[in-house]
Amino acid sequence: MRALKNLFVFIVIVAVLGGGAIAALRIARQKPSTPEEIKPNLMAVSAAGIYLYAARVGSKVIFFDTGADPAGSTIDTALGALRAGRGDVSDVFLTHGHGDHTAGASSLSGARVHLGAADVPLAEGKAPPDSLVARLMAKAMAAPPISVSDPLTGVATIDVGDGKSVKAFPAPGHTQGSYVFLYEGVLFAGDTVLLKQGRLDKGPSFFDSNADQAKASIRALKQQLDGAEISVVCTGHGGCTPVGLGRSMLEDFIGRLGG
């Protein structure tokens, strides 16, 4: 039954893309939303339903994902809200290697780019996505290859200046190199976790490299993040939880996964 459902969804996507949605998608990714302040000095901007996040760290700015527009329109919108420019961006943290999250990084040549080592070939255009549906979407988005300066392996802590750091936790499953990042009480979950209908949830399994592994990674976060402040969870699609509810909503989600 699940296989038939996935096949049906795949057929629908093919039909939609064949009907001209590719052009619409490429236009939509160039139309950023109004910037939203998640916390002081932390902005969210979306386009075509894809979110990126920018945080001011002293005189510099760091990004968590970079959107689907290779020209960087969403990046510029976020930077404008922080009264900064592209030259102020010191670090980019990519939750995974799919082009709708990496494309904008091609416009930030002066920044260090952090990405799970297993996703580097994907982001650099040397390997296709694992899932068939993700490969189809990659063709639609036509994201440029990017250069990854700082591949991530295992749990890591990255100094970003001004006495602040980003903690990186591997979360393979959506892609083999997926990561979540914790910065100043905000968990950036990429596509490992989605926000829909007012609660955290898992995305469609047909986009995942390994759906069972993705669920196991989410369950593992409970122990990995034990004792850490999680005020907000920000997702790649759907935006962020209300401030102060991040941990409780994440634990509710993990509990609903079971297993």
Protein backbone atom coordinates (compact mmCIF):
# COMPACT_ATOMS: atom_id res chain seq x y z
CA MET A 1 0.00 0.00 0.00
CA ARG A 2 2.79 2.42 0.93
CA ALA A 3 4.66 1.59 -2.30
CA LEU A 4 1.53 2.34 -4.35
CA LYS A 5 1.06 5.64 -2.52
CA ASN A 6 4.65 6.65 -3.18
CA LEU A 7 4.30 5.68 -6.84
CA PHE A 8 1.14 7.77 -7.12
CA VAL A 9 2.87 10.80 -5.59
CA PHE A 10 5.82 10.34 -7.92
CA ILE A 11 3.53 10.21 -10.95
CA VAL A 12 1.76 13.37 -9.81
CA ILE A 13 5.07 15.19 -9.40
CA VAL A 14 6.21 14.12 -12.86
CA ALA A 15 2.92 15.30 -14.35
CA VAL A 16 3.08 18.64 -12.58
CA LEU A 17 6.68 19.28 -13.58
CA GLY A 18 5.89 18.30 -17.14
CA GLY A 19 3.04 20.84 -17.13
CA GLY A 20 5.27 23.87 -16.72
CA ALA A 21 5.78 23.97 -12.96
CA ILE A 22 9.56 24.05 -13.45
CA ALA A 23 9.41 27.59 -14.77
CA ALA A 24 7.04 28.64 -12.00
CA LEU A 25 9.30 27.13 -9.36
CA ARG A 26 12.36 28.90 -10.70
CA ILE A 27 10.49 32.21 -10.69
CA ALA A 28 9.14 31.66 -7.16
CA ARG A 29 12.60 31.02 -5.73
CA GLN A 30 13.57 34.56 -6.78
CA LYS A 31 10.75 36.17 -4.76
CA PRO A 32 11.79 36.34 -1.10
CA SER A 33 9.31 36.75 1.71
CA THR A 34 9.40 39.66 4.12
CA PRO A 35 12.15 38.96 6.67
CA GLU A 36 10.91 37.60 10.00
CA GLU A 37 12.82 38.15 13.22
CA ILE A 38 12.96 34.86 15.11
CA LYS A 39 15.10 36.26 17.93
CA PRO A 40 17.19 39.43 18.15
CA ASN A 41 19.84 39.35 15.39
CA LEU A 42 18.32 36.22 13.81
CA MET A 43 16.24 36.51 10.66
CA ALA A 44 14.24 34.02 8.60
CA VAL A 45 13.49 34.46 4.90
CA SER A 46 11.72 32.05 2.58
CA ALA A 47 11.03 31.71 -1.14
CA ALA A 48 9.07 28.94 -2.84
CA GLY A 49 8.46 27.48 0.63
CA ILE A 50 12.19 27.03 1.29
CA TYR A 51 13.69 28.72 4.37
CA LEU A 52 17.10 30.11 5.17
CA TYR A 53 18.25 31.74 8.40
CA ALA A 54 20.83 34.46 9.00
CA ALA A 55 22.33 35.50 12.32
CA ARG A 56 24.49 38.50 13.11
CA VAL A 57 27.56 37.56 15.14
CA GLY A 58 29.36 40.76 16.07
CA SER A 59 30.40 42.42 12.81
CA LYS A 60 29.85 39.21 10.81
CA VAL A 61 26.85 37.18 9.64
CA ILE A 62 26.41 33.41 9.51
CA PHE A 63 23.82 31.50 7.48
CA PHE A 64 21.98 28.26 8.07
CA ASP A 65 21.11 27.03 4.55
CA THR A 66 21.12 29.43 1.62
CA GLY A 67 17.92 28.90 -0.34
CA ALA A 68 17.25 27.77 -3.89
CA ASP A 69 18.13 30.93 -5.81
CA PRO A 70 21.68 30.82 -7.23
CA ALA A 71 21.56 34.62 -7.60
CA GLY A 72 21.13 34.93 -3.83
CA SER A 73 17.95 37.03 -3.69
CA THR A 74 16.85 35.47 -0.41
CA ILE A 75 20.37 35.88 0.98
CA ASP A 76 20.37 39.59 0.10
CA THR A 77 16.97 40.06 1.72
CA ALA A 78 18.17 38.50 4.98
CA LEU A 79 21.39 40.51 4.90
CA GLY A 80 19.45 43.72 4.32
CA ALA A 81 17.37 43.04 7.41
CA LEU A 82 20.60 42.66 9.39
CA ARG A 83 22.14 45.75 7.75
CA ALA A 84 24.93 43.70 6.28
CA GLY A 85 26.31 42.72 2.87
CA ARG A 86 27.66 39.57 1.26
CA GLY A 87 31.20 40.49 2.28
CA ASP A 88 30.14 40.27 5.93
CA VAL A 89 29.23 36.57 5.71
CA SER A 90 31.88 34.48 7.46
CA ASP A 91 30.26 31.03 7.66
CA VAL A 92 27.55 29.02 5.94
CA PHE A 93 26.13 25.92 7.64
CA LEU A 94 24.28 23.62 5.24
CA THR A 95 21.90 21.09 6.77
CA HIS A 96 22.23 18.83 3.72
CA GLY A 97 23.31 18.78 0.10
CA HIS A 98 20.02 19.18 -1.80
CA GLY A 99 20.13 22.10 -4.22
CA ASP A 100 17.12 23.92 -2.77
CA HIS A 101 19.24 24.50 0.36
CA THR A 102 22.69 24.93 -1.18
CA ALA A 103 22.18 27.02 -4.34
CA GLY A 104 22.66 30.42 -2.70
CA ALA A 105 26.04 29.41 -1.31
CA SER A 106 27.45 29.86 -4.81
CA SER A 107 27.04 33.61 -4.32
CA LEU A 108 29.07 33.69 -1.07
CA SER A 109 32.59 32.95 -2.27
CA GLY A 110 34.24 34.52 0.77
CA ALA A 111 32.53 32.36 3.39
CA ARG A 112 33.56 29.07 4.95
CA VAL A 113 31.04 26.41 3.91
CA HIS A 114 30.26 23.64 6.41
CA LEU A 115 28.46 20.49 5.21
CA GLY A 116 28.35 16.83 6.20
CA ALA A 117 31.22 15.07 4.42
CA ALA A 118 28.91 12.42 2.97
CA ASP A 119 26.94 15.14 1.12
CA VAL A 120 29.95 16.96 -0.35
CA PRO A 121 29.86 15.03 -3.68
CA LEU A 122 26.13 15.81 -3.94
CA ALA A 123 26.60 19.56 -3.32
CA GLU A 124 29.61 19.75 -5.61
CA GLY A 125 27.64 18.20 -8.46
CA LYS A 126 29.66 14.99 -8.55
CA ALA A 127 26.87 12.63 -7.40
CA PRO A 128 23.06 12.59 -7.79
CA PRO A 129 20.60 12.45 -4.88
CA ASP A 130 19.85 8.96 -3.62
CA SER A 131 16.07 9.13 -3.94
CA LEU A 132 14.37 9.12 -7.35
CA VAL A 133 12.00 11.97 -6.41
CA ALA A 134 14.91 14.05 -5.08
CA ARG A 135 16.73 13.49 -8.39
CA LEU A 136 13.69 14.74 -10.26
CA MET A 137 13.49 17.85 -8.08
CA ALA A 138 17.23 18.44 -8.53
CA LYS A 139 16.72 18.58 -12.30
CA ALA A 140 13.88 21.05 -11.80
CA MET A 141 15.89 23.33 -9.52
CA ALA A 142 19.12 23.14 -11.58
CA ALA A 143 21.21 24.33 -8.64
CA PRO A 144 24.85 25.11 -9.43
CA PRO A 145 27.62 23.06 -7.83
CA ILE A 146 29.22 24.69 -4.81
CA SER A 147 32.59 24.40 -3.10
CA VAL A 148 32.66 22.99 0.43
CA SER A 149 35.62 24.24 2.44
CA ASP A 150 34.84 22.58 5.77
CA PRO A 151 33.39 19.03 5.56
CA LEU A 152 31.87 17.79 8.81
CA THR A 153 32.29 14.36 10.39
CA GLY A 154 30.86 13.37 13.75
CA VAL A 155 29.73 15.84 16.40
CA ALA A 156 31.58 19.14 16.10
CA THR A 157 31.74 22.59 17.67
CA ILE A 158 32.63 25.46 15.36
CA ASP A 159 33.80 28.82 16.68
CA VAL A 160 32.06 31.67 14.83
CA GLY A 161 33.59 34.55 16.76
CA ASP A 162 32.34 37.03 19.35
CA GLY A 163 32.49 34.26 21.96
CA LYS A 164 29.83 32.19 20.16
CA SER A 165 29.87 28.75 18.57
CA VAL A 166 27.71 26.42 16.50
CA LYS A 167 27.30 22.81 17.59
CA ALA A 168 26.86 20.33 14.75
CA PHE A 169 25.15 16.93 15.12
CA PRO A 170 25.01 14.32 12.34
CA ALA A 171 21.48 13.24 11.43
CA PRO A 172 21.77 10.93 8.39
CA GLY A 173 18.68 9.64 6.66
CA HIS A 174 17.12 12.46 4.67
CA THR A 175 20.53 12.47 3.00
CA GLN A 176 23.57 10.57 4.18
CA GLY A 177 25.33 13.78 5.17
CA SER A 178 22.42 15.54 6.88
CA TYR A 179 23.22 17.60 9.98
CA VAL A 180 21.33 19.68 12.52
CA PHE A 181 22.93 22.76 14.06
CA LEU A 182 22.44 24.34 17.47
CA TYR A 183 23.21 28.02 17.89
CA GLU A 184 22.19 30.24 20.82
CA GLY A 185 19.23 28.06 21.78
CA VAL A 186 17.98 27.63 18.20
CA LEU A 187 18.05 24.22 16.53
CA PHE A 188 18.30 24.39 12.74
CA ALA A 189 16.93 21.08 11.50
CA GLY A 190 16.81 21.45 7.72
CA ASP A 191 14.61 18.74 6.20
CA THR A 192 15.22 16.26 9.01
CA VAL A 193 12.25 17.88 10.77
CA LEU A 194 9.36 19.83 9.24
CA LEU A 195 6.82 22.20 10.77
CA LYS A 196 3.27 21.70 9.55
CA GLN A 197 -0.18 22.28 11.00
CA GLY A 198 1.31 23.74 14.16
CA ARG A 199 3.54 20.84 15.14
CA LEU A 200 6.87 19.28 14.24
CA ASP A 201 6.71 16.28 11.98
CA LYS A 202 8.72 14.22 9.54
CA GLY A 203 8.78 14.98 5.84
CA PRO A 204 7.64 12.62 3.08
CA SER A 205 9.74 9.46 3.09
CA PHE A 206 10.07 9.39 -0.71
CA PHE A 207 12.49 12.34 -0.46
CA ASP A 208 14.72 10.46 1.99
CA SER A 209 17.89 8.55 1.24
CA ASN A 210 16.89 6.11 4.00
CA ALA A 211 13.60 6.75 5.82
CA ASP A 212 14.26 4.32 8.69
CA GLN A 213 17.68 5.86 9.27
CA ALA A 214 16.10 9.32 9.29
CA LYS A 215 13.71 8.28 12.05
CA ALA A 216 16.56 6.75 14.05
CA SER A 217 18.53 10.00 13.74
CA ILE A 218 15.58 12.00 15.05
CA ARG A 219 15.22 9.67 18.03
CA ALA A 220 18.96 9.98 18.70
CA LEU A 221 18.60 13.76 19.03
CA LYS A 222 16.87 13.30 22.38
CA GLN A 223 20.09 12.00 23.93
CA GLN A 224 22.44 14.17 21.88
CA LEU A 225 20.65 17.34 22.93
CA ASP A 226 20.06 16.33 26.53
CA GLY A 227 20.57 19.35 28.77
CA ALA A 228 20.94 21.81 25.90
CA GLU A 229 18.80 24.92 25.71
CA ILE A 230 16.39 24.62 22.78
CA SER A 231 14.11 27.62 22.73
CA VAL A 232 13.23 27.40 19.03
CA VAL A 233 13.35 24.73 16.32
CA CYS A 234 13.71 26.13 12.79
CA THR A 235 12.97 23.88 9.83
CA GLY A 236 13.77 23.95 6.13
CA HIS A 237 10.09 23.96 5.18
CA GLY A 238 7.47 25.46 7.47
CA GLY A 239 9.55 27.92 9.46
CA CYS A 240 10.11 27.93 13.21
CA THR A 241 8.30 26.94 16.37
CA PRO A 242 7.17 29.70 18.73
CA VAL A 243 9.97 30.99 20.96
CA GLY A 244 10.12 29.02 24.20
CA LEU A 245 8.34 25.94 22.83
CA GLY A 246 11.16 24.39 20.84
CA ARG A 247 12.18 21.67 23.26
CA SER A 248 8.66 20.63 24.25
CA MET A 249 7.54 20.46 20.62
CA LEU A 250 10.64 18.47 19.64
CA GLU A 251 10.13 16.00 22.47
CA ASP A 252 6.47 15.63 21.51
CA PHE A 253 7.54 14.84 17.95
CA ILE A 254 10.14 12.29 19.04
CA GLY A 255 7.55 10.66 21.27
CA ARG A 256 5.11 10.34 18.38
CA LEU A 257 7.76 8.60 16.26
CA GLY A 258 7.82 5.71 18.72
CA GLY A 259 10.31 2.89 18.45
